């Protein structure tokens, strides 16, 4: 009986960890694009949220396009998180008005050092990894 309870508890803990790994990612900030709010070495807890829960002012992690042949291009979808380039930016505008449906505009807090929507345009919502839920050693707003 005790072994069965322990097995169920272990299985439950494993399921909870798997769920958290899918919903939460911890990242380290690199580069000056979000100064003064975030600096290299700051750690962020990123929550994966649906696109309809994003808000102007949110700090988000987005997949970065690559520059080739004089233009910006999005990598093919899929393939997991590894091997992709990610950036921390702030949501400046959401779909509606001048922003196309299914997209958002992201900007770095440090415009002189940020590669953001001013250069590559709106970001498709499926390229958003998630929203910063907590920060270690930094203020988000």
Foldseek 3Di string as FASTA:
>chain_A
DVVVVVVVVVVVVVVVVVVCVLFWDKDFADDDQAPPQHYGGKIFIFGADDPVPDDQFWWFKFFAFDDDPNATDRDDDDDDDPPTDIHIWGFHAADDDPAPPQWTFTGHNRNVTDDTCVGHNTGGPVRIRGTGPDMDPGHSD
